[in-house]
């Protein structure tokens, strides 16, 4: 059954309602962390690419940072390389790091670039190793053992954290009307590669670029209260309190901390976006309703 044609007056009304948001964000940078369902379901892949192109066409400068954990796991399994995790982080030896670079810097990155370009955009794929734009250091993981007086330091290999973000290349591409698509692979001063959490990289890139907004696409509706209602319009102080009282816990905690740190670091707002919603990034940018949990440092 074919959908009935949309009333042209509705289209015009929607465009008119979007005008103040277009004016607000025109010329501003929005960093989007792309992953989860939005990266694996065809209709969401297409809607994301179209969202990035439309944002660029109306004068917004989107910068995409992507993940790819499931794709890495699938290739490791095909190569009969065991996936091991410590505190939710993939143990990454030299052999695994080669696969990570192949998947993130090659397959996943180029697929995103191709999709955006097919929708009429101008995307260019990068890793943090290009121009050493993501300077990394090895992440030290502490594991607490009641039998030991001091926490045990676990070596999980080529897993890194961000030491510094260089923005020259990203800014040059954005000014030339390209959409940078960044794989979260960093490099240390000795030239060693590191796999870095994509949420963390997106937050640090947003801080370095002094972005207007950080958007973290995820597989949940946002931060929920005890009744299951999505909370939004939160201040950094409120988020700190929700962490302290245990409302925010488990898998949502690292993502919220990333958003919180970005806002405290100068990003105007950060939002946990429900990436399972078609055109979720446009809904968040151009409507009052939004599709997630927004954190700001604004004080009335």
Protein backbone atom coordinates (compact mmCIF):
# COMPACT_ATOMS: atom_id res chain seq x y z
CA UNK A 1 0.00 0.00 0.00
CA UNK A 2 1.48 3.35 -1.05
CA UNK A 3 1.78 6.18 1.42
CA UNK A 4 -0.53 9.11 0.69
CA UNK A 5 1.35 12.13 -0.68
CA UNK A 6 2.39 14.68 1.91
CA UNK A 7 0.53 17.98 1.88
CA UNK A 8 2.96 20.59 0.44
CA UNK A 9 1.72 23.05 3.05
CA UNK A 10 2.95 20.71 5.78
CA UNK A 11 6.38 20.57 4.16
CA UNK A 12 6.58 24.36 4.00
CA UNK A 13 5.44 24.68 7.62
CA UNK A 14 8.09 22.22 8.80
CA UNK A 15 10.80 24.08 6.91
CA UNK A 16 9.62 27.37 8.36
CA UNK A 17 9.71 25.98 11.91
CA UNK A 18 13.29 24.83 11.33
CA UNK A 19 14.47 28.33 10.35
CA UNK A 20 15.48 29.58 13.84
CA UNK A 21 17.49 26.40 14.44
CA UNK A 22 19.23 26.74 11.09
CA UNK A 23 20.08 30.34 11.96
CA UNK A 24 21.34 29.32 15.40
CA UNK A 25 23.66 26.57 14.18
CA UNK A 26 24.79 28.04 10.87
CA UNK A 27 28.58 28.33 10.88
CA UNK A 28 28.84 26.24 14.06
CA UNK A 29 30.52 22.85 14.49
CA UNK A 30 28.58 19.78 15.60
CA UNK A 31 30.55 16.63 16.47
CA UNK A 32 28.58 13.41 16.02
CA UNK A 33 29.66 10.04 17.41
CA UNK A 34 28.19 7.44 15.05
CA UNK A 35 27.73 3.80 16.03
CA UNK A 36 25.35 1.15 17.32
CA UNK A 37 22.16 0.32 15.42
CA UNK A 38 22.49 3.49 13.35
CA UNK A 39 25.56 1.95 11.73
CA UNK A 40 24.11 -1.51 11.01
CA UNK A 41 20.49 -1.02 9.85
CA UNK A 42 20.09 0.08 6.22
CA UNK A 43 17.33 2.66 6.77
CA UNK A 44 19.29 4.23 9.64
CA UNK A 45 22.55 4.26 7.65
CA UNK A 46 20.78 6.12 4.84
CA UNK A 47 19.04 8.58 7.16
CA UNK A 48 22.31 9.35 8.98
CA UNK A 49 24.14 10.08 5.73
CA UNK A 50 21.32 12.33 4.53
CA UNK A 51 21.29 14.13 7.89
CA UNK A 52 25.01 14.92 7.61
CA UNK A 53 24.61 16.22 4.04
CA UNK A 54 21.60 18.38 4.94
CA UNK A 55 23.41 19.84 7.96
CA UNK A 56 26.34 20.80 5.76
CA UNK A 57 24.06 22.28 3.09
CA UNK A 58 22.43 24.67 5.60
CA UNK A 59 25.79 25.90 6.88
CA UNK A 60 26.46 23.61 9.84
CA UNK A 61 29.86 21.91 10.03
CA UNK A 62 29.35 18.26 11.06
CA UNK A 63 32.38 16.23 12.15
CA UNK A 64 31.78 12.48 12.42
CA UNK A 65 33.66 10.17 14.80
CA UNK A 66 32.66 6.53 14.40
CA UNK A 67 32.97 3.27 16.30
CA UNK A 68 33.00 -0.26 14.96
CA UNK A 69 33.29 -2.75 17.82
CA UNK A 70 30.89 -5.34 16.39
CA UNK A 71 32.60 -5.26 13.00
CA UNK A 72 35.99 -5.77 14.68
CA UNK A 73 34.61 -8.71 16.65
CA UNK A 74 33.18 -10.32 13.52
CA UNK A 75 36.47 -10.18 11.61
CA UNK A 76 38.47 -11.44 14.60
CA UNK A 77 36.11 -14.42 14.81
CA UNK A 78 36.55 -15.15 11.10
CA UNK A 79 40.33 -15.06 11.61
CA UNK A 80 40.06 -17.33 14.67
CA UNK A 81 41.50 -14.64 16.93
CA UNK A 82 39.97 -14.70 20.41
CA UNK A 83 38.27 -11.53 21.68
CA UNK A 84 39.05 -10.84 25.33
CA UNK A 85 37.76 -7.95 27.43
CA UNK A 86 38.84 -6.32 30.71
CA UNK A 87 36.38 -3.90 32.31
CA UNK A 88 34.50 -3.76 29.00
CA UNK A 89 37.60 -2.87 26.97
CA UNK A 90 39.01 -5.11 24.25
CA UNK A 91 42.44 -6.53 25.02
CA UNK A 92 44.41 -5.44 21.96
CA UNK A 93 47.72 -7.13 21.20
CA UNK A 94 49.71 -6.33 18.05
CA UNK A 95 47.79 -8.86 15.94
CA UNK A 96 44.42 -7.55 17.12
CA UNK A 97 45.54 -3.95 16.54
CA UNK A 98 46.24 -4.80 12.89
CA UNK A 99 42.62 -5.98 12.58
CA UNK A 100 41.34 -2.88 14.39
CA UNK A 101 43.15 -0.61 11.95
CA UNK A 102 41.93 -2.65 8.99
CA UNK A 103 38.30 -2.48 10.13
CA UNK A 104 38.07 1.03 11.60
CA UNK A 105 40.46 2.86 9.28
CA UNK A 106 39.47 0.88 6.20
CA UNK A 107 36.17 -0.96 5.95
CA UNK A 108 33.95 1.00 8.35
CA UNK A 109 35.43 4.44 7.66
CA UNK A 110 35.23 4.11 3.88
CA UNK A 111 31.69 2.73 4.00
CA UNK A 112 30.54 5.84 5.91
CA UNK A 113 32.40 8.13 3.52
CA UNK A 114 30.86 6.38 0.51
CA UNK A 115 27.34 6.60 1.94
CA UNK A 116 27.63 10.34 2.61
CA UNK A 117 29.10 10.95 -0.84
CA UNK A 118 26.31 8.97 -2.50
CA UNK A 119 23.82 11.31 -0.82
CA UNK A 120 25.52 14.31 -2.43
CA UNK A 121 27.95 15.20 0.33
CA UNK A 122 31.74 15.61 0.28
CA UNK A 123 33.15 13.34 2.97
CA UNK A 124 36.79 12.49 3.59
CA UNK A 125 37.89 9.63 5.83
CA UNK A 126 40.68 10.01 8.37
CA UNK A 127 42.20 8.21 11.31
CA UNK A 128 43.83 9.91 14.26
CA UNK A 129 47.17 8.92 12.75
CA UNK A 130 46.71 11.32 9.83
CA UNK A 131 48.74 14.40 10.67
CA UNK A 132 49.02 12.83 14.17
CA UNK A 133 45.74 14.58 14.93
CA UNK A 134 44.93 12.22 17.82
CA UNK A 135 47.99 11.96 20.07
CA UNK A 136 47.52 8.97 22.34
CA UNK A 137 49.09 7.25 25.29
CA UNK A 138 48.55 3.74 26.58
CA UNK A 139 45.55 3.37 28.88
CA UNK A 140 46.45 2.02 32.30
CA UNK A 141 43.70 -0.19 33.68
CA UNK A 142 43.46 -0.68 37.43
CA UNK A 143 41.78 -3.79 38.80
CA UNK A 144 41.03 -3.97 42.51
CA UNK A 145 41.71 -7.20 44.40
CA UNK A 146 40.70 -7.47 48.08
CA UNK A 147 43.77 -9.61 48.68
CA UNK A 148 46.10 -6.81 47.55
CA UNK A 149 46.85 -3.53 49.29
CA UNK A 150 47.24 -1.67 45.98
CA UNK A 151 45.19 -2.00 42.78
CA UNK A 152 46.66 -4.29 40.13
CA UNK A 153 47.70 -2.64 36.85
CA UNK A 154 46.42 -4.69 33.90
CA UNK A 155 48.18 -4.37 30.53
CA UNK A 156 45.51 -4.55 27.81
CA UNK A 157 47.90 -3.71 25.00
CA UNK A 158 47.21 -1.16 22.29
CA UNK A 159 44.26 0.49 24.02
CA UNK A 160 44.77 4.19 24.45
CA UNK A 161 43.45 7.41 25.85
CA UNK A 162 43.62 10.86 24.31
CA UNK A 163 46.64 12.96 25.18
CA UNK A 164 46.07 15.75 22.65
CA UNK A 165 43.85 16.61 19.67
CA UNK A 166 45.27 18.62 16.76
CA UNK A 167 42.46 20.35 14.89
CA UNK A 168 44.34 21.88 11.92
CA UNK A 169 43.41 19.17 9.41
CA UNK A 170 39.79 18.89 10.59
CA UNK A 171 39.27 22.65 10.42
CA UNK A 172 40.91 22.88 6.98
CA UNK A 173 38.57 20.21 5.60
CA UNK A 174 35.46 21.76 7.18
CA UNK A 175 36.28 25.18 5.73
CA UNK A 176 36.68 23.56 2.30
CA UNK A 177 33.10 22.18 2.62
CA UNK A 178 34.15 18.61 3.38
CA UNK A 179 32.69 16.43 6.13
CA UNK A 180 35.54 14.83 8.11
CA UNK A 181 34.86 11.21 9.12
CA UNK A 182 37.32 10.12 11.81
CA UNK A 183 38.24 6.61 12.95
CA UNK A 184 39.25 6.56 16.66
CA UNK A 185 42.81 5.34 16.20
CA UNK A 186 45.52 7.38 17.90
CA UNK A 187 49.30 7.40 17.71
CA UNK A 188 51.89 8.00 20.43
CA UNK A 189 55.16 9.91 20.13
CA UNK A 190 57.01 6.73 19.15
CA UNK A 191 54.55 5.97 16.33
CA UNK A 192 52.64 3.15 18.05
CA UNK A 193 48.95 2.84 17.18
CA UNK A 194 46.18 2.73 19.80
CA UNK A 195 42.51 1.81 19.70
CA UNK A 196 40.53 4.46 21.62
CA UNK A 197 36.90 4.49 22.72
CA UNK A 198 34.94 6.42 20.07
CA UNK A 199 32.79 8.29 22.63
CA UNK A 200 35.95 9.53 24.33
CA UNK A 201 37.50 10.64 21.04
CA UNK A 202 34.30 12.43 19.99
CA UNK A 203 34.18 14.31 23.29
CA UNK A 204 37.81 15.38 23.08
CA UNK A 205 37.44 16.40 19.42
CA UNK A 206 34.38 18.49 20.36
CA UNK A 207 36.34 20.19 23.14
CA UNK A 208 39.32 20.92 20.89
CA UNK A 209 37.10 22.34 18.13
CA UNK A 210 35.06 24.37 20.64
CA UNK A 211 32.00 22.74 19.10
CA UNK A 212 28.50 24.05 19.62
CA UNK A 213 27.15 20.56 20.24
CA UNK A 214 28.33 17.00 20.85
CA UNK A 215 25.91 14.26 19.82
CA UNK A 216 26.49 10.69 21.01
CA UNK A 217 24.31 8.22 19.11
CA UNK A 218 23.42 5.18 21.19
CA UNK A 219 20.97 2.26 21.34
CA UNK A 220 18.76 3.62 24.13
CA UNK A 221 16.24 6.45 24.36
CA UNK A 222 18.50 8.45 26.67
CA UNK A 223 19.04 8.76 30.39
CA UNK A 224 15.93 7.55 32.22
CA UNK A 225 14.60 8.18 35.71
CA UNK A 226 13.21 5.50 38.04
CA UNK A 227 9.84 5.61 36.22
CA UNK A 228 11.45 5.08 32.81
CA UNK A 229 10.96 8.66 31.63
CA UNK A 230 13.74 10.20 29.53
CA UNK A 231 15.43 13.06 31.37
CA UNK A 232 16.70 16.03 29.38
CA UNK A 233 17.62 19.66 29.86
CA UNK A 234 20.05 18.67 32.62
CA UNK A 235 22.74 20.94 34.02
CA UNK A 236 26.22 19.65 34.80
CA UNK A 237 25.43 20.00 38.50
CA UNK A 238 22.33 17.84 38.15
CA UNK A 239 24.28 15.18 36.29
CA UNK A 240 26.98 15.17 38.97
CA UNK A 241 24.24 14.63 41.57
CA UNK A 242 22.66 11.79 39.55
CA UNK A 243 26.03 10.05 39.35
CA UNK A 244 26.62 10.52 43.08
CA UNK A 245 23.23 9.07 44.09
CA UNK A 246 23.56 6.08 41.76
CA UNK A 247 20.81 7.02 39.28
CA UNK A 248 23.40 6.90 36.52
CA UNK A 249 25.28 3.60 36.57
CA UNK A 250 26.47 0.68 34.46
CA UNK A 251 26.98 1.04 30.72
CA UNK A 252 25.42 4.51 30.58
CA UNK A 253 27.93 5.96 33.05
CA UNK A 254 30.99 6.19 30.71
CA UNK A 255 28.88 7.82 27.98
CA UNK A 256 27.39 10.35 30.41
CA UNK A 257 30.84 11.12 31.84
CA UNK A 258 32.10 11.75 28.30
CA UNK A 259 29.23 14.17 27.63
CA UNK A 260 29.70 15.82 31.02
CA UNK A 261 33.45 16.31 30.52
CA UNK A 262 32.86 17.83 27.07
CA UNK A 263 30.41 20.41 28.44
CA UNK A 264 32.71 21.23 31.35
CA UNK A 265 35.49 21.55 28.76
CA UNK A 266 33.67 24.28 26.84
CA UNK A 267 31.24 22.51 24.47
CA UNK A 268 27.93 24.40 24.59
CA UNK A 269 25.80 21.26 24.96
CA UNK A 270 26.09 17.48 24.73
CA UNK A 271 23.24 15.11 24.01
CA UNK A 272 22.79 11.35 24.23
CA UNK A 273 20.77 10.65 21.07
CA UNK A 274 18.56 7.65 20.34
CA UNK A 275 20.26 6.41 17.18
CA UNK A 276 17.47 3.88 16.55
CA UNK A 277 15.21 6.75 15.42
CA UNK A 278 15.25 7.61 11.72
CA UNK A 279 16.78 11.09 11.15
CA UNK A 280 17.57 11.32 14.88
CA UNK A 281 20.30 13.93 14.40
CA UNK A 282 17.97 16.28 12.50
CA UNK A 283 15.24 15.80 15.10
CA UNK A 284 17.72 16.78 17.79
CA UNK A 285 19.13 19.79 15.95
CA UNK A 286 15.99 21.26 14.37
CA UNK A 287 13.16 20.57 16.85
CA UNK A 288 12.32 21.41 20.45
CA UNK A 289 11.35 17.82 21.25
CA UNK A 290 14.68 16.13 20.48
CA UNK A 291 15.31 12.42 20.89
CA UNK A 292 17.58 12.08 23.89
CA UNK A 293 19.15 13.56 27.00
CA UNK A 294 20.78 16.98 26.71
CA UNK A 295 23.38 18.31 29.14
CA UNK A 296 24.39 21.96 29.29
CA UNK A 297 26.30 24.22 31.62
CA UNK A 298 23.79 27.06 31.26
CA UNK A 299 22.69 28.87 34.37
CA UNK A 300 19.51 30.91 34.34
